[in-house]
Amino acid sequence: DVVIVRNNPGYFTQKTVTVQGEVLYPGPYVINSTDEKLSSIISRAG
Protein backbone atom coordinates (compact mmCIF):
# COMPACT_ATOMS: atom_id res chain seq x y z
CA ASP A 1 0.00 0.00 0.00
CA VAL A 2 1.12 3.58 -0.65
CA VAL A 3 0.35 6.44 1.75
CA ILE A 4 0.27 9.95 0.26
CA VAL A 5 0.39 13.01 2.53
CA ARG A 6 -0.41 16.14 0.56
CA ASN A 7 1.06 19.59 1.27
CA ASN A 8 -1.02 22.21 2.99
CA PRO A 9 -1.86 24.74 0.21
CA GLY A 10 -1.20 27.62 2.61
CA TYR A 11 2.23 26.38 3.69
CA PHE A 12 5.50 27.37 2.04
CA THR A 13 9.11 26.59 2.90
CA GLN A 14 10.75 29.26 5.07
CA LYS A 15 12.80 31.66 2.95
CA THR A 16 15.07 34.48 4.03
CA VAL A 17 16.48 37.68 2.58
CA THR A 18 19.26 39.85 3.99
CA VAL A 19 19.12 43.65 4.24
CA GLN A 20 22.50 45.36 4.52
CA GLY A 21 23.72 48.93 4.74
CA GLU A 22 21.96 52.16 5.66
CA VAL A 23 18.70 50.93 7.21
CA LEU A 24 17.75 51.15 10.89
CA TYR A 25 17.71 47.40 11.50
CA PRO A 26 19.96 45.54 9.03
CA GLY A 27 20.10 41.74 9.09
CA PRO A 28 18.32 38.61 7.85
CA TYR A 29 14.52 38.58 7.51
CA VAL A 30 12.14 35.69 6.93
CA ILE A 31 9.88 36.30 3.93
CA ASN A 32 6.31 36.55 5.24
CA SER A 33 4.50 35.57 2.04
CA THR A 34 5.12 34.32 -1.48
CA ASP A 35 4.69 37.82 -2.88
CA GLU A 36 6.57 39.97 -0.35
CA LYS A 37 8.16 42.95 -2.11
CA LEU A 38 11.07 45.35 -1.69
CA SER A 39 8.93 48.08 -0.10
CA SER A 40 7.68 45.65 2.54
CA ILE A 41 11.13 44.44 3.61
CA ILE A 42 12.48 48.00 3.83
CA SER A 43 9.57 48.97 6.07
CA ARG A 44 10.23 45.95 8.29
CA ALA A 45 13.91 46.99 8.47
CA GLY A 46 12.83 50.36 9.91
All heavy atoms as atom14 arrays in JSON, in Angstrom:
{
  "sequence": "DVVIVRNNPGYFTQKTVTVQGEVLYPGPYVINSTDEKLSSIISRAG",
  "atom14_mask": [
    [1, 1, 1, 1, 1, 1, 1, 1, 0, 0, 0, 0, 0, 0],
    [1, 1, 1, 1, 1, 1, 1, 0, 0, 0, 0, 0, 0, 0],
    [1, 1, 1, 1, 1, 1, 1, 0, 0, 0, 0, 0, 0, 0],
    [1, 1, 1, 1, 1, 1, 1, 1, 0, 0, 0, 0, 0, 0],
    [1, 1, 1, 1, 1, 1, 1, 0, 0, 0, 0, 0, 0, 0],
    [1, 1, 1, 1, 1, 1, 1, 1, 1, 1, 1, 0, 0, 0],
    [1, 1, 1, 1, 1, 1, 1, 1, 0, 0, 0, 0, 0, 0],
    [1, 1, 1, 1, 1, 1, 1, 1, 0, 0, 0, 0, 0, 0],
    [1, 1, 1, 1, 1, 1, 1, 0, 0, 0, 0, 0, 0, 0],
    [1, 1, 1, 1, 0, 0, 0, 0, 0, 0, 0, 0, 0, 0],
    [1, 1, 1, 1, 1, 1, 1, 1, 1, 1, 1, 1, 0, 0],
    [1, 1, 1, 1, 1, 1, 1, 1, 1, 1, 1, 0, 0, 0],
    [1, 1, 1, 1, 1, 1, 1, 0, 0, 0, 0, 0, 0, 0],
    [1, 1, 1, 1, 1, 1, 1, 1, 1, 0, 0, 0, 0, 0],
    [1, 1, 1, 1, 1, 1, 1, 1, 1, 0, 0, 0, 0, 0],
    [1, 1, 1, 1, 1, 1, 1, 0, 0, 0, 0, 0, 0, 0],
    [1, 1, 1, 1, 1, 1, 1, 0, 0, 0, 0, 0, 0, 0],
    [1, 1, 1, 1, 1, 1, 1, 0, 0, 0, 0, 0, 0, 0],
    [1, 1, 1, 1, 1, 1, 1, 0, 0, 0, 0, 0, 0, 0],
    [1, 1, 1, 1, 1, 1, 1, 1, 1, 0, 0, 0, 0, 0],
    [1, 1, 1, 1, 0, 0, 0, 0, 0, 0, 0, 0, 0, 0],
    [1, 1, 1, 1, 1, 1, 1, 1, 1, 0, 0, 0, 0, 0],
    [1, 1, 1, 1, 1, 1, 1, 0, 0, 0, 0, 0, 0, 0],
    [1, 1, 1, 1, 1, 1, 1, 1, 0, 0, 0, 0, 0, 0],
    [1, 1, 1, 1, 1, 1, 1, 1, 1, 1, 1, 1, 0, 0],
    [1, 1, 1, 1, 1, 1, 1, 0, 0, 0, 0, 0, 0, 0],
    [1, 1, 1, 1, 0, 0, 0, 0, 0, 0, 0, 0, 0, 0],
    [1, 1, 1, 1, 1, 1, 1, 0, 0, 0, 0, 0, 0, 0],
    [1, 1, 1, 1, 1, 1, 1, 1, 1, 1, 1, 1, 0, 0],
    [1, 1, 1, 1, 1, 1, 1, 0, 0, 0, 0, 0, 0, 0],
    [1, 1, 1, 1, 1, 1, 1, 1, 0, 0, 0, 0, 0, 0],
    [1, 1, 1, 1, 1, 1, 1, 1, 0, 0, 0, 0, 0, 0],
    [1, 1, 1, 1, 1, 1, 0, 0, 0, 0, 0, 0, 0, 0],
    [1, 1, 1, 1, 1, 1, 1, 0, 0, 0, 0, 0, 0, 0],
    [1, 1, 1, 1, 1, 1, 1, 1, 0, 0, 0, 0, 0, 0],
    [1, 1, 1, 1, 1, 1, 1, 1, 1, 0, 0, 0, 0, 0],
    [1, 1, 1, 1, 1, 1, 1, 1, 1, 0, 0, 0, 0, 0],
    [1, 1, 1, 1, 1, 1, 1, 1, 0, 0, 0, 0, 0, 0],
    [1, 1, 1, 1, 1, 1, 0, 0, 0, 0, 0, 0, 0, 0],
    [1, 1, 1, 1, 1, 1, 0, 0, 0, 0, 0, 0, 0, 0],
    [1, 1, 1, 1, 1, 1, 1, 1, 0, 0, 0, 0, 0, 0],
    [1, 1, 1, 1, 1, 1, 1, 1, 0, 0, 0, 0, 0, 0],
    [1, 1, 1, 1, 1, 1, 0, 0, 0, 0, 0, 0, 0, 0],
    [1, 1, 1, 1, 1, 1, 1, 1, 1, 1, 1, 0, 0, 0],
    [1, 1, 1, 1, 1, 0, 0, 0, 0, 0, 0, 0, 0, 0],
    [1, 1, 1, 1, 0, 0, 0, 0, 0, 0, 0, 0, 0, 0]
  ],
  "atom14_positions": [
    [[0.84, -1.19, 0.0], [0.0, 0.0, 0.0], [0.89, 1.25, 0.0], [2.0, 1.25, 0.52], [-0.9, 0.03, 1.24], [-2.1, -0.9, 1.1], [-2.3, -1.39, -0.02], [-2.8, -1.11, 2.11], [0.0, 0.0, 0.0], [0.0, 0.0, 0.0], [0.0, 0.0, 0.0], [0.0, 0.0, 0.0], [0.0, 0.0, 0.0], [0.0, 0.0, 0.0]],
    [[0.39, 2.32, -0.59], [1.12, 3.58, -0.65], [0.31, 4.65, 0.08], [-0.87, 4.84, -0.18], [1.36, 4.02, -2.11], [2.06, 5.38, -2.14], [2.18, 2.99, -2.86], [0.0, 0.0, 0.0], [0.0, 0.0, 0.0], [0.0, 0.0, 0.0], [0.0, 0.0, 0.0], [0.0, 0.0, 0.0], [0.0, 0.0, 0.0], [0.0, 0.0, 0.0]],
    [[0.99, 5.35, 1.01], [0.35, 6.44, 1.75], [0.83, 7.77, 1.2], [2.03, 8.02, 1.13], [0.66, 6.35, 3.26], [0.01, 7.52, 3.99], [0.17, 5.03, 3.82], [0.0, 0.0, 0.0], [0.0, 0.0, 0.0], [0.0, 0.0, 0.0], [0.0, 0.0, 0.0], [0.0, 0.0, 0.0], [0.0, 0.0, 0.0], [0.0, 0.0, 0.0]],
    [[-0.07, 8.63, 0.8], [0.27, 9.95, 0.26], [-0.2, 11.03, 1.23], [-1.38, 11.07, 1.59], [-0.37, 10.18, -1.12], [0.14, 9.12, -2.12], [-0.07, 11.59, -1.63], [-0.54, 9.19, -3.47], [0.0, 0.0, 0.0], [0.0, 0.0, 0.0], [0.0, 0.0, 0.0], [0.0, 0.0, 0.0], [0.0, 0.0, 0.0], [0.0, 0.0, 0.0]],
    [[0.73, 11.88, 1.66], [0.39, 13.01, 2.53], [0.58, 14.28, 1.73], [1.71, 14.63, 1.34], [1.28, 13.04, 3.79], [0.9, 14.23, 4.66], [1.15, 11.74, 4.57], [0.0, 0.0, 0.0], [0.0, 0.0, 0.0], [0.0, 0.0, 0.0], [0.0, 0.0, 0.0], [0.0, 0.0, 0.0], [0.0, 0.0, 0.0], [0.0, 0.0, 0.0]],
    [[-0.48, 14.96, 1.41], [-0.41, 16.14, 0.56], [0.0, 17.38, 1.36], [-0.27, 17.47, 2.55], [-1.75, 16.39, -0.13], [-2.2, 15.22, -1.0], [-3.44, 15.55, -1.8], [-3.9, 14.42, -2.57], [-3.37, 14.03, -3.73], [-2.37, 14.72, -4.26], [-3.84, 12.97, -4.36], [0.0, 0.0, 0.0], [0.0, 0.0, 0.0], [0.0, 0.0, 0.0]],
    [[0.65, 18.33, 0.64], [1.06, 19.59, 1.27], [-0.14, 20.46, 1.58], [-1.13, 20.48, 0.83], [2.01, 20.36, 0.34], [3.36, 19.69, 0.21], [3.81, 19.02, 1.12], [3.99, 19.87, -0.95], [0.0, 0.0, 0.0], [0.0, 0.0, 0.0], [0.0, 0.0, 0.0], [0.0, 0.0, 0.0], [0.0, 0.0, 0.0], [0.0, 0.0, 0.0]],
    [[-0.02, 21.2, 2.67], [-1.02, 22.21, 2.99], [-0.88, 23.35, 1.98], [0.19, 23.93, 1.84], [-0.78, 22.74, 4.41], [-1.84, 23.72, 4.85], [-2.49, 24.36, 4.03], [-2.01, 23.85, 6.16], [0.0, 0.0, 0.0], [0.0, 0.0, 0.0], [0.0, 0.0, 0.0], [0.0, 0.0, 0.0], [0.0, 0.0, 0.0], [0.0, 0.0, 0.0]],
    [[-1.96, 23.69, 1.23], [-1.86, 24.74, 0.21], [-1.36, 26.08, 0.75], [-0.76, 26.87, 0.03], [-3.29, 24.86, -0.32], [-3.93, 23.56, 0.02], [-3.31, 23.12, 1.31], [0.0, 0.0, 0.0], [0.0, 0.0, 0.0], [0.0, 0.0, 0.0], [0.0, 0.0, 0.0], [0.0, 0.0, 0.0], [0.0, 0.0, 0.0], [0.0, 0.0, 0.0]],
    [[-1.6, 26.34, 2.03], [-1.2, 27.62, 2.61], [0.2, 27.61, 3.19], [0.66, 28.64, 3.71], [0.0, 0.0, 0.0], [0.0, 0.0, 0.0], [0.0, 0.0, 0.0], [0.0, 0.0, 0.0], [0.0, 0.0, 0.0], [0.0, 0.0, 0.0], [0.0, 0.0, 0.0], [0.0, 0.0, 0.0], [0.0, 0.0, 0.0], [0.0, 0.0, 0.0]],
    [[0.89, 26.47, 3.09], [2.23, 26.38, 3.69], [3.3, 26.55, 2.62], [3.17, 26.06, 1.51], [2.4, 25.02, 4.36], [3.8, 24.76, 4.87], [4.21, 25.27, 6.1], [4.71, 24.03, 4.11], [5.5, 25.05, 6.56], [6.01, 23.8, 4.57], [6.39, 24.31, 5.79], [7.67, 24.1, 6.24], [0.0, 0.0, 0.0], [0.0, 0.0, 0.0]],
    [[4.36, 27.3, 2.95], [5.5, 27.37, 2.04], [6.79, 27.32, 2.85], [6.84, 27.71, 4.02], [5.46, 28.65, 1.17], [5.6, 29.93, 1.93], [6.84, 30.54, 2.06], [4.5, 30.54, 2.51], [6.97, 31.74, 2.75], [4.63, 31.73, 3.2], [5.87, 32.33, 3.33], [0.0, 0.0, 0.0], [0.0, 0.0, 0.0], [0.0, 0.0, 0.0]],
    [[7.83, 26.77, 2.23], [9.11, 26.59, 2.9], [9.66, 27.94, 3.34], [9.59, 28.92, 2.6], [10.13, 25.91, 1.96], [9.56, 24.7, 1.48], [11.43, 25.61, 2.67], [0.0, 0.0, 0.0], [0.0, 0.0, 0.0], [0.0, 0.0, 0.0], [0.0, 0.0, 0.0], [0.0, 0.0, 0.0], [0.0, 0.0, 0.0], [0.0, 0.0, 0.0]],
    [[10.22, 27.99, 4.53], [10.75, 29.26, 5.07], [11.89, 29.77, 4.19], [12.82, 29.04, 3.88], [11.24, 29.05, 6.49], [11.62, 30.34, 7.2], [12.05, 30.11, 8.62], [13.19, 29.76, 8.89], [11.11, 30.28, 9.56], [0.0, 0.0, 0.0], [0.0, 0.0, 0.0], [0.0, 0.0, 0.0], [0.0, 0.0, 0.0], [0.0, 0.0, 0.0]],
    [[11.79, 31.03, 3.79], [12.8, 31.66, 2.95], [13.27, 32.95, 3.61], [12.48, 33.61, 4.29], [12.24, 31.94, 1.55], [11.77, 30.69, 0.82], [11.17, 31.02, -0.53], [10.69, 29.76, -1.23], [10.07, 30.05, -2.56], [0.0, 0.0, 0.0], [0.0, 0.0, 0.0], [0.0, 0.0, 0.0], [0.0, 0.0, 0.0], [0.0, 0.0, 0.0]],
    [[14.51, 33.28, 3.39], [15.07, 34.48, 4.03], [15.73, 35.4, 3.01], [16.23, 34.94, 1.97], [16.1, 34.11, 5.11], [17.19, 33.4, 4.5], [15.48, 33.26, 6.19], [0.0, 0.0, 0.0], [0.0, 0.0, 0.0], [0.0, 0.0, 0.0], [0.0, 0.0, 0.0], [0.0, 0.0, 0.0], [0.0, 0.0, 0.0], [0.0, 0.0, 0.0]],
    [[15.73, 36.68, 3.34], [16.48, 37.68, 2.58], [17.33, 38.46, 3.6], [17.02, 38.47, 4.79], [15.57, 38.65, 1.8], [14.73, 37.9, 0.8], [14.68, 39.43, 2.76], [0.0, 0.0, 0.0], [0.0, 0.0, 0.0], [0.0, 0.0, 0.0], [0.0, 0.0, 0.0], [0.0, 0.0, 0.0], [0.0, 0.0, 0.0], [0.0, 0.0, 0.0]],
    [[18.37, 39.08, 3.11], [19.26, 39.85, 3.99], [19.25, 41.32, 3.56], [19.41, 41.61, 2.36], [20.69, 39.3, 3.94], [20.68, 37.92, 4.33], [21.6, 40.07, 4.9], [0.0, 0.0, 0.0], [0.0, 0.0, 0.0], [0.0, 0.0, 0.0], [0.0, 0.0, 0.0], [0.0, 0.0, 0.0], [0.0, 0.0, 0.0], [0.0, 0.0, 0.0]],
    [[19.07, 42.21, 4.51], [19.12, 43.65, 4.24], [20.4, 44.2, 4.87], [20.63, 44.04, 6.07], [17.89, 44.37, 4.82], [17.93, 45.85, 4.45], [16.61, 43.73, 4.33], [0.0, 0.0, 0.0], [0.0, 0.0, 0.0], [0.0, 0.0, 0.0], [0.0, 0.0, 0.0], [0.0, 0.0, 0.0], [0.0, 0.0, 0.0], [0.0, 0.0, 0.0]],
    [[21.23, 44.83, 4.06], [22.5, 45.36, 4.52], [22.58, 46.87, 4.27], [21.87, 47.4, 3.42], [23.67, 44.67, 3.79], [23.74, 43.17, 4.0], [24.84, 42.52, 3.19], [25.31, 43.08, 2.2], [25.26, 41.32, 3.6], [0.0, 0.0, 0.0], [0.0, 0.0, 0.0], [0.0, 0.0, 0.0], [0.0, 0.0, 0.0], [0.0, 0.0, 0.0]],
    [[23.46, 47.52, 5.0], [23.72, 48.93, 4.74], [22.92, 49.89, 5.57], [22.63, 49.63, 6.75], [0.0, 0.0, 0.0], [0.0, 0.0, 0.0], [0.0, 0.0, 0.0], [0.0, 0.0, 0.0], [0.0, 0.0, 0.0], [0.0, 0.0, 0.0], [0.0, 0.0, 0.0], [0.0, 0.0, 0.0], [0.0, 0.0, 0.0], [0.0, 0.0, 0.0]],
    [[22.51, 51.0, 4.95], [21.96, 52.16, 5.66], [20.46, 52.06, 5.91], [19.67, 52.87, 5.43], [22.3, 53.43, 4.89], [23.79, 53.65, 4.7], [24.54, 53.69, 6.02], [24.27, 54.6, 6.82], [25.38, 52.8, 6.26], [0.0, 0.0, 0.0], [0.0, 0.0, 0.0], [0.0, 0.0, 0.0], [0.0, 0.0, 0.0], [0.0, 0.0, 0.0]],
    [[20.06, 51.04, 6.7], [18.7, 50.93, 7.21], [18.8, 50.87, 8.73], [19.87, 50.59, 9.28], [17.96, 49.69, 6.66], [17.72, 49.83, 5.18], [18.75, 48.42, 6.97], [0.0, 0.0, 0.0], [0.0, 0.0, 0.0], [0.0, 0.0, 0.0], [0.0, 0.0, 0.0], [0.0, 0.0, 0.0], [0.0, 0.0, 0.0], [0.0, 0.0, 0.0]],
    [[17.7, 51.1, 9.42], [17.75, 51.15, 10.89], [18.07, 49.79, 11.51], [18.81, 49.7, 12.48], [16.43, 51.68, 11.44], [16.14, 53.17, 11.18], [14.81, 53.56, 11.8], [17.27, 54.04, 11.74], [0.0, 0.0, 0.0], [0.0, 0.0, 0.0], [0.0, 0.0, 0.0], [0.0, 0.0, 0.0], [0.0, 0.0, 0.0], [0.0, 0.0, 0.0]],
    [[17.51, 48.73, 10.92], [17.71, 47.4, 11.5], [18.18, 46.41, 10.42], [17.39, 45.59, 9.93], [16.41, 46.9, 12.14], [15.81, 47.88, 13.12], [14.63, 48.56, 12.82], [16.44, 48.14, 14.35], [14.1, 49.47, 13.72], [15.91, 49.06, 15.24], [14.74, 49.72, 14.92], [14.21, 50.63, 15.8], [0.0, 0.0, 0.0], [0.0, 0.0, 0.0]],
    [[19.46, 46.47, 10.03], [19.96, 45.54, 9.03], [20.02, 44.11, 9.58], [20.08, 43.9, 10.79], [21.37, 46.08, 8.73], [21.76, 46.82, 9.97], [20.5, 47.39, 10.52], [0.0, 0.0, 0.0], [0.0, 0.0, 0.0], [0.0, 0.0, 0.0], [0.0, 0.0, 0.0], [0.0, 0.0, 0.0], [0.0, 0.0, 0.0], [0.0, 0.0, 0.0]],
    [[20.0, 43.13, 8.68], [20.1, 41.74, 9.09], [19.22, 40.84, 8.25], [18.58, 41.29, 7.29], [0.0, 0.0, 0.0], [0.0, 0.0, 0.0], [0.0, 0.0, 0.0], [0.0, 0.0, 0.0], [0.0, 0.0, 0.0], [0.0, 0.0, 0.0], [0.0, 0.0, 0.0], [0.0, 0.0, 0.0], [0.0, 0.0, 0.0], [0.0, 0.0, 0.0]],
    [[19.15, 39.55, 8.61], [18.32, 38.61, 7.85], [16.85, 38.73, 8.24], [16.53, 39.0, 9.41], [18.89, 37.24, 8.27], [19.48, 37.47, 9.62], [19.97, 38.89, 9.64], [0.0, 0.0, 0.0], [0.0, 0.0, 0.0], [0.0, 0.0, 0.0], [0.0, 0.0, 0.0], [0.0, 0.0, 0.0], [0.0, 0.0, 0.0], [0.0, 0.0, 0.0]],
    [[15.97, 38.53, 7.27], [14.52, 38.58, 7.51], [13.87, 37.39, 6.82], [14.21, 37.05, 5.68], [13.92, 39.88, 6.96], [14.24, 41.09, 7.8], [15.45, 41.78, 7.61], [13.36, 41.55, 8.76], [15.76, 42.89, 8.39], [13.67, 42.67, 9.54], [14.87, 43.32, 9.35], [15.17, 44.41, 10.12], [0.0, 0.0, 0.0], [0.0, 0.0, 0.0]],
    [[12.92, 36.77, 7.52], [12.14, 35.69, 6.93], [11.05, 36.3, 6.06], [10.34, 37.22, 6.49], [11.51, 34.8, 8.02], [10.6, 33.74, 7.39], [12.59, 34.14, 8.86], [0.0, 0.0, 0.0], [0.0, 0.0, 0.0], [0.0, 0.0, 0.0], [0.0, 0.0, 0.0], [0.0, 0.0, 0.0], [0.0, 0.0, 0.0], [0.0, 0.0, 0.0]],
    [[10.92, 35.8, 4.83], [9.88, 36.3, 3.93], [8.52, 35.86, 4.46], [8.28, 34.68, 4.72], [10.1, 35.76, 2.51], [11.44, 36.26, 1.96], [8.96, 36.17, 1.58], [11.79, 35.7, 0.59], [0.0, 0.0, 0.0], [0.0, 0.0, 0.0], [0.0, 0.0, 0.0], [0.0, 0.0, 0.0], [0.0, 0.0, 0.0], [0.0, 0.0, 0.0]],
    [[7.6, 36.83, 4.63], [6.31, 36.55, 5.24], [5.31, 35.89, 4.3], [4.39, 35.21, 4.74], [5.69, 37.84, 5.78], [6.35, 38.27, 7.09], [6.91, 37.45, 7.81], [6.28, 39.56, 7.39], [0.0, 0.0, 0.0], [0.0, 0.0, 0.0], [0.0, 0.0, 0.0], [0.0, 0.0, 0.0], [0.0, 0.0, 0.0], [0.0, 0.0, 0.0]],
    [[5.45, 36.12, 3.0], [4.5, 35.57, 2.04], [5.2, 35.32, 0.71], [6.34, 35.73, 0.5], [3.32, 36.54, 1.84], [3.78, 37.76, 1.27], [0.0, 0.0, 0.0], [0.0, 0.0, 0.0], [0.0, 0.0, 0.0], [0.0, 0.0, 0.0], [0.0, 0.0, 0.0], [0.0, 0.0, 0.0], [0.0, 0.0, 0.0], [0.0, 0.0, 0.0]],
    [[4.52, 34.65, -0.19], [5.12, 34.32, -1.48], [5.28, 35.53, -2.39], [5.97, 35.46, -3.4], [4.26, 33.27, -2.21], [2.92, 33.75, -2.34], [4.26, 31.95, -1.44], [0.0, 0.0, 0.0], [0.0, 0.0, 0.0], [0.0, 0.0, 0.0], [0.0, 0.0, 0.0], [0.0, 0.0, 0.0], [0.0, 0.0, 0.0], [0.0, 0.0, 0.0]],
    [[4.62, 36.63, -2.03], [4.69, 37.82, -2.88], [5.19, 39.05, -2.12], [4.85, 40.18, -2.45], [3.34, 38.12, -3.54], [2.24, 38.39, -2.51], [2.49, 38.15, -1.3], [1.15, 38.83, -2.9], [0.0, 0.0, 0.0], [0.0, 0.0, 0.0], [0.0, 0.0, 0.0], [0.0, 0.0, 0.0], [0.0, 0.0, 0.0], [0.0, 0.0, 0.0]],
    [[6.02, 38.83, -1.08], [6.57, 39.97, -0.35], [7.52, 40.76, -1.23], [8.37, 40.19, -1.93], [7.28, 39.53, 0.93], [7.8, 40.71, 1.74], [7.97, 40.4, 3.21], [8.07, 39.21, 3.55], [8.03, 41.35, 4.01], [0.0, 0.0, 0.0], [0.0, 0.0, 0.0], [0.0, 0.0, 0.0], [0.0, 0.0, 0.0], [0.0, 0.0, 0.0]],
    [[7.42, 42.09, -1.19], [8.16, 42.95, -2.11], [9.22, 43.8, -1.39], [9.32, 43.8, -0.16], [7.19, 43.85, -2.87], [6.2, 43.07, -3.73], [5.3, 44.0, -4.54], [4.36, 43.21, -5.44], [3.51, 44.1, -6.25], [0.0, 0.0, 0.0], [0.0, 0.0, 0.0], [0.0, 0.0, 0.0], [0.0, 0.0, 0.0], [0.0, 0.0, 0.0]],
    [[9.99, 44.5, -2.2], [11.07, 45.35, -1.69], [10.56, 46.36, -0.66], [11.15, 46.54, 0.4], [11.73, 46.1, -2.85], [12.6, 45.29, -3.81], [12.95, 46.13, -5.03], [13.86, 44.82, -3.11], [0.0, 0.0, 0.0], [0.0, 0.0, 0.0], [0.0, 0.0, 0.0], [0.0, 0.0, 0.0], [0.0, 0.0, 0.0], [0.0, 0.0, 0.0]],
    [[9.45, 47.04, -0.99], [8.93, 48.08, -0.1], [8.58, 47.51, 1.26], [8.78, 48.16, 2.3], [7.7, 48.75, -0.73], [6.7, 47.77, -1.03], [0.0, 0.0, 0.0], [0.0, 0.0, 0.0], [0.0, 0.0, 0.0], [0.0, 0.0, 0.0], [0.0, 0.0, 0.0], [0.0, 0.0, 0.0], [0.0, 0.0, 0.0], [0.0, 0.0, 0.0]],
    [[8.06, 46.28, 1.29], [7.68, 45.65, 2.54], [8.89, 45.36, 3.41], [8.89, 45.64, 4.62], [6.92, 44.35, 2.26], [6.71, 43.62, 3.45], [0.0, 0.0, 0.0], [0.0, 0.0, 0.0], [0.0, 0.0, 0.0], [0.0, 0.0, 0.0], [0.0, 0.0, 0.0], [0.0, 0.0, 0.0], [0.0, 0.0, 0.0], [0.0, 0.0, 0.0]],
    [[9.95, 44.82, 2.82], [11.13, 44.44, 3.61], [11.86, 45.67, 4.13], [12.43, 45.66, 5.23], [12.07, 43.53, 2.78], [12.85, 42.6, 3.72], [13.0, 44.31, 1.91], [12.03, 41.54, 4.38], [0.0, 0.0, 0.0], [0.0, 0.0, 0.0], [0.0, 0.0, 0.0], [0.0, 0.0, 0.0], [0.0, 0.0, 0.0], [0.0, 0.0, 0.0]],
    [[11.85, 46.77, 3.36], [12.48, 48.0, 3.83], [11.71, 48.58, 5.01], [12.29, 49.05, 6.0], [12.57, 49.04, 2.69], [13.6, 48.6, 1.65], [12.94, 50.42, 3.23], [15.02, 48.55, 2.16], [0.0, 0.0, 0.0], [0.0, 0.0, 0.0], [0.0, 0.0, 0.0], [0.0, 0.0, 0.0], [0.0, 0.0, 0.0], [0.0, 0.0, 0.0]],
    [[10.39, 48.5, 4.95], [9.57, 48.97, 6.07], [9.84, 48.14, 7.32], [9.95, 48.67, 8.42], [8.08, 48.9, 5.69], [7.79, 49.78, 4.62], [0.0, 0.0, 0.0], [0.0, 0.0, 0.0], [0.0, 0.0, 0.0], [0.0, 0.0, 0.0], [0.0, 0.0, 0.0], [0.0, 0.0, 0.0], [0.0, 0.0, 0.0], [0.0, 0.0, 0.0]],
    [[9.97, 46.83, 7.14], [10.23, 45.95, 8.29], [11.63, 46.21, 8.87], [11.87, 45.99, 10.06], [10.11, 44.48, 7.85], [8.69, 44.05, 7.56], [8.64, 42.67, 6.95], [9.22, 41.67, 7.85], [9.52, 40.42, 7.45], [9.3, 40.05, 6.2], [10.03, 39.56, 8.32], [0.0, 0.0, 0.0], [0.0, 0.0, 0.0], [0.0, 0.0, 0.0]],
    [[12.55, 46.68, 8.01], [13.91, 46.99, 8.47], [13.99, 48.39, 9.08], [15.09, 48.87, 9.37], [14.89, 46.86, 7.31], [0.0, 0.0, 0.0], [0.0, 0.0, 0.0], [0.0, 0.0, 0.0], [0.0, 0.0, 0.0], [0.0, 0.0, 0.0], [0.0, 0.0, 0.0], [0.0, 0.0, 0.0], [0.0, 0.0, 0.0], [0.0, 0.0, 0.0]],
    [[12.86, 49.06, 9.24], [12.83, 50.36, 9.91], [13.01, 51.55, 9.01], [13.04, 52.69, 9.48], [0.0, 0.0, 0.0], [0.0, 0.0, 0.0], [0.0, 0.0, 0.0], [0.0, 0.0, 0.0], [0.0, 0.0, 0.0], [0.0, 0.0, 0.0], [0.0, 0.0, 0.0], [0.0, 0.0, 0.0], [0.0, 0.0, 0.0], [0.0, 0.0, 0.0]]
  ]
}
